[in-house]
Amino acid sequence: MPGVRVTKNGPQSLLDKIPTDGQGCFSFDDALCIHTAQGQEPAPKRARNLLNQWHHRGYVEQMPNGRYKKTVRKVSNDSNDR
C-alpha cells in the first residue's frame, strides 16, 4: 500500500551500531566495545564468535591489516529493511 511504512520489530543489529571509518572499516576492539556496551560481559571470545558469524553470512570481510570491513551485502540488506 503506498504511503504505508512497515517496520521490523526487534533489536538493532550490533553490526549496525559499530562505528566505522570513512571506508566502512572497524577493529576487533570496536566490536568488543559495542558488545560490552550492550550489557554483555567483556568477553573477547564471544566478540570473535560474532565477527566469525558475520563473516560467514557475508556481512563483513577481514582486511589484511586485521581490521574488518562491512560488505556491500550488508549495506544492501540494510536498504531492503526500509
PDB file of N, CA and C in Angstrom:
ATOM      1  N   MET A   1       0.837  -1.172   0.000  1.00  0.00           N
ATOM      2  CA  MET A   1       0.000   0.000   0.000  1.00  0.00           C
ATOM      3  C   MET A   1       0.887   1.242   0.000  1.00  0.00           C
ATOM      4  N   PRO A   2       0.706   2.163  -0.924  1.00  0.00           N
ATOM      5  CA  PRO A   2       1.541   3.362  -0.955  1.00  0.00           C
ATOM      6  C   PRO A   2       1.339   4.218   0.297  1.00  0.00           C
ATOM      7  N   GLY A   3       2.429   4.759   0.777  1.00  0.00           N
ATOM      8  CA  GLY A   3       2.362   5.629   1.936  1.00  0.00           C
ATOM      9  C   GLY A   3       2.401   4.912   3.272  1.00  0.00           C
ATOM     10  N   VAL A   4       2.333   3.583   3.261  1.00  0.00           N
ATOM     11  CA  VAL A   4       2.373   2.819   4.491  1.00  0.00           C
ATOM     12  C   VAL A   4       3.803   2.356   4.709  1.00  0.00           C
ATOM     13  N   ARG A   5       4.308   2.616   5.873  1.00  0.00           N
ATOM     14  CA  ARG A   5       5.676   2.232   6.192  1.00  0.00           C
ATOM     15  C   ARG A   5       5.648   1.046   7.150  1.00  0.00           C
ATOM     16  N   VAL A   6       6.350   0.016   6.796  1.00  0.00           N
ATOM     17  CA  VAL A   6       6.408  -1.185   7.610  1.00  0.00           C
ATOM     18  C   VAL A   6       7.759  -1.200   8.307  1.00  0.00           C
ATOM     19  N   THR A   7       7.732  -1.425   9.598  1.00  0.00           N
ATOM     20  CA  THR A   7       8.980  -1.507  10.347  1.00  0.00           C
ATOM     21  C   THR A   7       9.087  -2.888  10.968  1.00  0.00           C
ATOM     22  N   LYS A   8      10.321  -3.306  11.162  1.00  0.00           N
ATOM     23  CA  LYS A   8      10.563  -4.595  11.790  1.00  0.00           C
ATOM     24  C   LYS A   8      10.726  -4.392  13.287  1.00  0.00           C
ATOM     25  N   ASN A   9      10.145  -5.278  14.035  1.00  0.00           N
ATOM     26  CA  ASN A   9      10.330  -5.247  15.471  1.00  0.00           C
ATOM     27  C   ASN A   9      11.605  -5.993  15.815  1.00  0.00           C
ATOM     28  N   GLY A  10      12.163  -5.680  16.958  1.00  0.00           N
ATOM     29  CA  GLY A  10      13.349  -6.397  17.403  1.00  0.00           C
ATOM     30  C   GLY A  10      14.510  -5.451  17.600  1.00  0.00           C
ATOM     31  N   PRO A  11      15.551  -5.964  18.213  1.00  0.00           N
ATOM     32  CA  PRO A  11      16.714  -5.126  18.499  1.00  0.00           C
ATOM     33  C   PRO A  11      17.511  -4.801  17.236  1.00  0.00           C
ATOM     34  N   GLN A  12      18.171  -3.674  17.283  1.00  0.00           N
ATOM     35  CA  GLN A  12      19.039  -3.271  16.182  1.00  0.00           C
ATOM     36  C   GLN A  12      20.283  -4.158  16.192  1.00  0.00           C
ATOM     37  N   SER A  13      20.771  -4.479  15.039  1.00  0.00           N
ATOM     38  CA  SER A  13      21.960  -5.317  14.915  1.00  0.00           C
ATOM     39  C   SER A  13      23.171  -4.627  15.539  1.00  0.00           C
ATOM     40  N   LEU A  14      23.980  -5.402  16.247  1.00  0.00           N
ATOM     41  CA  LEU A  14      25.216  -4.844  16.792  1.00  0.00           C
ATOM     42  C   LEU A  14      26.117  -4.351  15.675  1.00  0.00           C
ATOM     43  N   LEU A  15      26.090  -5.016  14.539  1.00  0.00           N
ATOM     44  CA  LEU A  15      26.919  -4.590  13.412  1.00  0.00           C
ATOM     45  C   LEU A  15      26.542  -3.186  12.957  1.00  0.00           C
ATOM     46  N   ASP A  16      25.262  -2.863  13.016  1.00  0.00           N
ATOM     47  CA  ASP A  16      24.815  -1.520  12.633  1.00  0.00           C
ATOM     48  C   ASP A  16      25.311  -0.454  13.613  1.00  0.00           C
ATOM     49  N   LYS A  17      25.576  -0.848  14.840  1.00  0.00           N
ATOM     50  CA  LYS A  17      25.987   0.106  15.870  1.00  0.00           C
ATOM     51  C   LYS A  17      27.499   0.354  15.917  1.00  0.00           C
ATOM     52  N   ILE A  18      28.276  -0.483  15.266  1.00  0.00           N
ATOM     53  CA  ILE A  18      29.736  -0.341  15.316  1.00  0.00           C
ATOM     54  C   ILE A  18      30.157   0.877  14.508  1.00  0.00           C
ATOM     55  N   PRO A  19      30.895   1.788  15.118  1.00  0.00           N
ATOM     56  CA  PRO A  19      31.384   2.951  14.372  1.00  0.00           C
ATOM     57  C   PRO A  19      32.458   2.524  13.370  1.00  0.00           C
ATOM     58  N   THR A  20      32.408   3.103  12.180  1.00  0.00           N
ATOM     59  CA  THR A  20      33.382   2.773  11.143  1.00  0.00           C
ATOM     60  C   THR A  20      34.091   4.028  10.671  1.00  0.00           C
ATOM     61  N   ASP A  21      35.221   3.812  10.006  1.00  0.00           N
ATOM     62  CA  ASP A  21      35.918   4.941   9.403  1.00  0.00           C
ATOM     63  C   ASP A  21      35.236   5.261   8.068  1.00  0.00           C
ATOM     64  N   GLY A  22      35.808   6.152   7.308  1.00  0.00           N
ATOM     65  CA  GLY A  22      35.208   6.575   6.046  1.00  0.00           C
ATOM     66  C   GLY A  22      35.088   5.472   5.012  1.00  0.00           C
ATOM     67  N   GLN A  23      35.802   4.364   5.191  1.00  0.00           N
ATOM     68  CA  GLN A  23      35.760   3.261   4.234  1.00  0.00           C
ATOM     69  C   GLN A  23      34.917   2.085   4.734  1.00  0.00           C
ATOM     70  N   GLY A  24      34.217   2.277   5.840  1.00  0.00           N
ATOM     71  CA  GLY A  24      33.371   1.216   6.378  1.00  0.00           C
ATOM     72  C   GLY A  24      34.133   0.180   7.182  1.00  0.00           C
ATOM     73  N   CYS A  25      35.343   0.529   7.642  1.00  0.00           N
ATOM     74  CA  CYS A  25      36.174  -0.420   8.387  1.00  0.00           C
ATOM     75  C   CYS A  25      36.086  -0.180   9.891  1.00  0.00           C
ATOM     76  N   PHE A  26      36.296  -1.253  10.642  1.00  0.00           N
ATOM     77  CA  PHE A  26      36.318  -1.174  12.100  1.00  0.00           C
ATOM     78  C   PHE A  26      37.268  -2.231  12.636  1.00  0.00           C
ATOM     79  N   SER A  27      37.625  -2.109  13.899  1.00  0.00           N
ATOM     80  CA  SER A  27      38.580  -3.038  14.508  1.00  0.00           C
ATOM     81  C   SER A  27      37.860  -4.043  15.416  1.00  0.00           C
ATOM     82  N   PHE A  28      38.597  -5.060  15.811  1.00  0.00           N
ATOM     83  CA  PHE A  28      38.078  -6.030  16.779  1.00  0.00           C
ATOM     84  C   PHE A  28      37.703  -5.314  18.068  1.00  0.00           C
ATOM     85  N   ASP A  29      38.535  -4.367  18.498  1.00  0.00           N
ATOM     86  CA  ASP A  29      38.253  -3.621  19.732  1.00  0.00           C
ATOM     87  C   ASP A  29      36.948  -2.833  19.625  1.00  0.00           C
ATOM     88  N   ASP A  30      36.645  -2.288  18.442  1.00  0.00           N
ATOM     89  CA  ASP A  30      35.368  -1.595  18.240  1.00  0.00           C
ATOM     90  C   ASP A  30      34.205  -2.559  18.456  1.00  0.00           C
ATOM     91  N   ALA A  31      34.327  -3.760  17.903  1.00  0.00           N
ATOM     92  CA  ALA A  31      33.274  -4.770  18.061  1.00  0.00           C
ATOM     93  C   ALA A  31      33.138  -5.181  19.528  1.00  0.00           C
ATOM     94  N   LEU A  32      34.253  -5.340  20.196  1.00  0.00           N
ATOM     95  CA  LEU A  32      34.233  -5.725  21.611  1.00  0.00           C
ATOM     96  C   LEU A  32      33.586  -4.628  22.462  1.00  0.00           C
ATOM     97  N   CYS A  33      33.887  -3.368  22.175  1.00  0.00           N
ATOM     98  CA  CYS A  33      33.291  -2.251  22.936  1.00  0.00           C
ATOM     99  C   CYS A  33      31.781  -2.195  22.758  1.00  0.00           C
ATOM    100  N   ILE A  34      31.293  -2.385  21.535  1.00  0.00           N
ATOM    101  CA  ILE A  34      29.849  -2.366  21.289  1.00  0.00           C
ATOM    102  C   ILE A  34      29.189  -3.551  21.981  1.00  0.00           C
ATOM    103  N   HIS A  35      29.821  -4.697  21.916  1.00  0.00           N
ATOM    104  CA  HIS A  35      29.295  -5.905  22.580  1.00  0.00           C
ATOM    105  C   HIS A  35      29.169  -5.647  24.078  1.00  0.00           C
ATOM    106  N   THR A  36      30.182  -5.049  24.673  1.00  0.00           N
ATOM    107  CA  THR A  36      30.186  -4.754  26.104  1.00  0.00           C
ATOM    108  C   THR A  36      29.168  -3.665  26.447  1.00  0.00           C
ATOM    109  N   ALA A  37      29.041  -2.651  25.587  1.00  0.00           N
ATOM    110  CA  ALA A  37      28.109  -1.544  25.837  1.00  0.00           C
ATOM    111  C   ALA A  37      26.658  -2.004  25.830  1.00  0.00           C
ATOM    112  N   GLN A  38      26.379  -3.134  25.197  1.00  0.00           N
ATOM    113  CA  GLN A  38      25.019  -3.655  25.133  1.00  0.00           C
ATOM    114  C   GLN A  38      24.675  -4.523  26.340  1.00  0.00           C
ATOM    115  N   GLY A  39      25.528  -4.459  27.366  1.00  0.00           N
ATOM    116  CA  GLY A  39      25.234  -5.183  28.591  1.00  0.00           C
ATOM    117  C   GLY A  39      25.843  -6.565  28.664  1.00  0.00           C
ATOM    118  N   GLN A  40      26.639  -6.914  27.676  1.00  0.00           N
ATOM    119  CA  GLN A  40      27.293  -8.215  27.673  1.00  0.00           C
ATOM    120  C   GLN A  40      28.602  -8.135  28.451  1.00  0.00           C
ATOM    121  N   GLU A  41      29.059  -9.260  28.937  1.00  0.00           N
ATOM    122  CA  GLU A  41      30.353  -9.296  29.611  1.00  0.00           C
ATOM    123  C   GLU A  41      31.444  -9.003  28.586  1.00  0.00           C
ATOM    124  N   PRO A  42      32.511  -8.348  29.020  1.00  0.00           N
ATOM    125  CA  PRO A  42      33.617  -8.083  28.090  1.00  0.00           C
ATOM    126  C   PRO A  42      34.367  -9.385  27.783  1.00  0.00           C
ATOM    127  N   ALA A  43      33.830 -10.173  26.887  1.00  0.00           N
ATOM    128  CA  ALA A  43      34.383 -11.488  26.564  1.00  0.00           C
ATOM    129  C   ALA A  43      34.903 -11.479  25.128  1.00  0.00           C
ATOM    130  N   PRO A  44      36.214 -11.402  24.961  1.00  0.00           N
ATOM    131  CA  PRO A  44      36.787 -11.382  23.610  1.00  0.00           C
ATOM    132  C   PRO A  44      36.386 -12.599  22.767  1.00  0.00           C
ATOM    133  N   LYS A  45      36.234 -13.752  23.397  1.00  0.00           N
ATOM    134  CA  LYS A  45      35.860 -14.954  22.634  1.00  0.00           C
ATOM    135  C   LYS A  45      34.467 -14.802  22.015  1.00  0.00           C
ATOM    136  N   ARG A  46      33.541 -14.227  22.757  1.00  0.00           N
ATOM    137  CA  ARG A  46      32.179 -14.033  22.228  1.00  0.00           C
ATOM    138  C   ARG A  46      32.169 -12.996  21.108  1.00  0.00           C
ATOM    139  N   ALA A  47      32.959 -11.935  21.262  1.00  0.00           N
ATOM    140  CA  ALA A  47      33.050 -10.927  20.208  1.00  0.00           C
ATOM    141  C   ALA A  47      33.674 -11.542  18.955  1.00  0.00           C
ATOM    142  N   ARG A  48      34.668 -12.394  19.132  1.00  0.00           N
ATOM    143  CA  ARG A  48      35.300 -13.075  17.991  1.00  0.00           C
ATOM    144  C   ARG A  48      34.276 -13.986  17.304  1.00  0.00           C
ATOM    145  N   ASN A  49      33.431 -14.657  18.084  1.00  0.00           N
ATOM    146  CA  ASN A  49      32.385 -15.501  17.500  1.00  0.00           C
ATOM    147  C   ASN A  49      31.396 -14.679  16.676  1.00  0.00           C
ATOM    148  N   LEU A  50      31.048 -13.483  17.178  1.00  0.00           N
ATOM    149  CA  LEU A  50      30.168 -12.582  16.417  1.00  0.00           C
ATOM    150  C   LEU A  50      30.789 -12.235  15.075  1.00  0.00           C
ATOM    151  N   LEU A  51      32.068 -11.851  15.107  1.00  0.00           N
ATOM    152  CA  LEU A  51      32.754 -11.479  13.868  1.00  0.00           C
ATOM    153  C   LEU A  51      32.820 -12.661  12.905  1.00  0.00           C
ATOM    154  N   ASN A  52      33.076 -13.842  13.426  1.00  0.00           N
ATOM    155  CA  ASN A  52      33.112 -15.031  12.569  1.00  0.00           C
ATOM    156  C   ASN A  52      31.748 -15.304  11.936  1.00  0.00           C
ATOM    157  N   GLN A  53      30.680 -15.127  12.702  1.00  0.00           N
ATOM    158  CA  GLN A  53      29.331 -15.340  12.182  1.00  0.00           C
ATOM    159  C   GLN A  53      29.009 -14.313  11.091  1.00  0.00           C
ATOM    160  N   TRP A  54      29.346 -13.064  11.324  1.00  0.00           N
ATOM    161  CA  TRP A  54      29.117 -12.022  10.314  1.00  0.00           C
ATOM    162  C   TRP A  54      29.915 -12.320   9.052  1.00  0.00           C
ATOM    163  N   HIS A  55      31.140 -12.805   9.226  1.00  0.00           N
ATOM    164  CA  HIS A  55      31.968 -13.148   8.062  1.00  0.00           C
ATOM    165  C   HIS A  55      31.327 -14.306   7.298  1.00  0.00           C
ATOM    166  N   HIS A  56      30.874 -15.317   8.009  1.00  0.00           N
ATOM    167  CA  HIS A  56      30.235 -16.479   7.390  1.00  0.00           C
ATOM    168  C   HIS A  56      28.969 -16.070   6.617  1.00  0.00           C
ATOM    169  N   ARG A  57      28.228 -15.125   7.142  1.00  0.00           N
ATOM    170  CA  ARG A  57      26.996 -14.654   6.496  1.00  0.00           C
ATOM    171  C   ARG A  57      27.268 -13.655   5.374  1.00  0.00           C
ATOM    172  N   GLY A  58      28.517 -13.232   5.240  1.00  0.00           N
ATOM    173  CA  GLY A  58      28.871 -12.305   4.170  1.00  0.00           C
ATOM    174  C   GLY A  58      28.657 -10.845   4.513  1.00  0.00           C
ATOM    175  N   TYR A  59      28.519 -10.530   5.789  1.00  0.00           N
ATOM    176  CA  TYR A  59      28.286  -9.148   6.203  1.00  0.00           C
ATOM    177  C   TYR A  59      29.581  -8.363   6.374  1.00  0.00           C
ATOM    178  N   VAL A  60      30.680  -9.045   6.685  1.00  0.00           N
ATOM    179  CA  VAL A  60      31.975  -8.386   6.844  1.00  0.00           C
ATOM    180  C   VAL A  60      33.048  -9.215   6.156  1.00  0.00           C
ATOM    181  N   GLU A  61      34.135  -8.555   5.834  1.00  0.00           N
ATOM    182  CA  GLU A  61      35.317  -9.255   5.352  1.00  0.00           C
ATOM    183  C   GLU A  61      36.507  -8.768   6.162  1.00  0.00           C
ATOM    184  N   GLN A  62      37.453  -9.658   6.384  1.00  0.00           N
ATOM    185  CA  GLN A  62      38.629  -9.274   7.154  1.00  0.00           C
ATOM    186  C   GLN A  62      39.677  -8.731   6.195  1.00  0.00           C
ATOM    187  N   MET A  63      40.215  -7.581   6.541  1.00  0.00           N
ATOM    188  CA  MET A  63      41.209  -6.915   5.716  1.00  0.00           C
ATOM    189  C   MET A  63      42.599  -7.439   6.092  1.00  0.00           C
ATOM    190  N   PRO A  64      43.578  -7.269   5.214  1.00  0.00           N
ATOM    191  CA  PRO A  64      44.936  -7.744   5.505  1.00  0.00           C
ATOM    192  C   PRO A  64      45.548  -7.118   6.767  1.00  0.00           C
ATOM    193  N   ASN A  65      45.122  -5.923   7.113  1.00  0.00           N
ATOM    194  CA  ASN A  65      45.677  -5.250   8.292  1.00  0.00           C
ATOM    195  C   ASN A  65      44.995  -5.679   9.593  1.00  0.00           C
ATOM    196  N   GLY A  66      44.117  -6.694   9.530  1.00  0.00           N
ATOM    197  CA  GLY A  66      43.457  -7.196  10.728  1.00  0.00           C
ATOM    198  C   GLY A  66      42.152  -6.500  11.059  1.00  0.00           C
ATOM    199  N   ARG A  67      41.832  -5.437  10.333  1.00  0.00           N
ATOM    200  CA  ARG A  67      40.560  -4.754  10.550  1.00  0.00           C
ATOM    201  C   ARG A  67      39.463  -5.464   9.767  1.00  0.00           C
ATOM    202  N   TYR A  68      38.234  -5.071  10.000  1.00  0.00           N
ATOM    203  CA  TYR A  68      37.081  -5.660   9.326  1.00  0.00           C
ATOM    204  C   TYR A  68      36.377  -4.579   8.526  1.00  0.00           C
ATOM    205  N   LYS A  69      35.726  -4.990   7.452  1.00  0.00           N
ATOM    206  CA  LYS A  69      35.006  -4.045   6.610  1.00  0.00           C
ATOM    207  C   LYS A  69      33.611  -4.578   6.347  1.00  0.00           C
ATOM    208  N   LYS A  70      32.605  -3.708   6.517  1.00  0.00           N
ATOM    209  CA  LYS A  70      31.238  -4.088   6.182  1.00  0.00           C
ATOM    210  C   LYS A  70      31.161  -4.262   4.678  1.00  0.00           C
ATOM    211  N   THR A  71      30.464  -5.300   4.234  1.00  0.00           N
ATOM    212  CA  THR A  71      30.406  -5.605   2.809  1.00  0.00           C
ATOM    213  C   THR A  71      29.202  -4.961   2.143  1.00  0.00           C
ATOM    214  N   VAL A  72      29.204  -5.000   0.830  1.00  0.00           N
ATOM    215  CA  VAL A  72      28.083  -4.481   0.053  1.00  0.00           C
ATOM    216  C   VAL A  72      26.819  -5.257   0.390  1.00  0.00           C
ATOM    217  N   ARG A  73      26.957  -6.558   0.657  1.00  0.00           N
ATOM    218  CA  ARG A  73      25.796  -7.381   1.008  1.00  0.00           C
ATOM    219  C   ARG A  73      25.105  -6.828   2.250  1.00  0.00           C
ATOM    220  N   LYS A  74      25.875  -6.420   3.259  1.00  0.00           N
ATOM    221  CA  LYS A  74      25.282  -5.863   4.473  1.00  0.00           C
ATOM    222  C   LYS A  74      24.603  -4.539   4.161  1.00  0.00           C
ATOM    223  N   VAL A  75      25.232  -3.711   3.363  1.00  0.00           N
ATOM    224  CA  VAL A  75      24.640  -2.419   3.013  1.00  0.00           C
ATOM    225  C   VAL A  75      23.339  -2.628   2.259  1.00  0.00           C
ATOM    226  N   SER A  76      23.315  -3.572   1.298  1.00  0.00           N
ATOM    227  CA  SER A  76      22.087  -3.797   0.545  1.00  0.00           C
ATOM    228  C   SER A  76      20.998  -4.416   1.412  1.00  0.00           C
ATOM    229  N   ASN A  77      21.361  -5.254   2.376  1.00  0.00           N
ATOM    230  CA  ASN A  77      20.361  -5.807   3.294  1.00  0.00           C
ATOM    231  C   ASN A  77      19.750  -4.708   4.140  1.00  0.00           C
ATOM    232  N   ASP A  78      20.547  -3.730   4.547  1.00  0.00           N
ATOM    233  CA  ASP A  78      20.021  -2.601   5.316  1.00  0.00           C
ATOM    234  C   ASP A  78      19.037  -1.811   4.482  1.00  0.00           C
ATOM    235  N   SER A  79      19.322  -1.627   3.199  1.00  0.00           N
ATOM    236  CA  SER A  79      18.439  -0.868   2.322  1.00  0.00           C
ATOM    237  C   SER A  79      17.101  -1.573   2.144  1.00  0.00           C
ATOM    238  N   ASN A  80      17.104  -2.903   2.109  1.00  0.00           N
ATOM    239  CA  ASN A  80      15.873  -3.663   1.934  1.00  0.00           C
ATOM    240  C   ASN A  80      15.000  -3.649   3.179  1.00  0.00           C
ATOM    241  N   ASP A  81      15.596  -3.346   4.323  1.00  0.00           N
ATOM    242  CA  ASP A  81      14.838  -3.335   5.581  1.00  0.00           C
ATOM    243  C   ASP A  81      13.930  -2.127   5.681  1.00  0.00           C
ATOM    244  N   ARG A  82      14.128  -1.136   4.866  1.00  0.00           N
ATOM    245  CA  ARG A  82      13.370   0.107   4.995  1.00  0.00           C
ATOM    246  C   ARG A  82      12.148   0.117   4.134  1.00  0.00           C
TER     247      ARG A  82
END
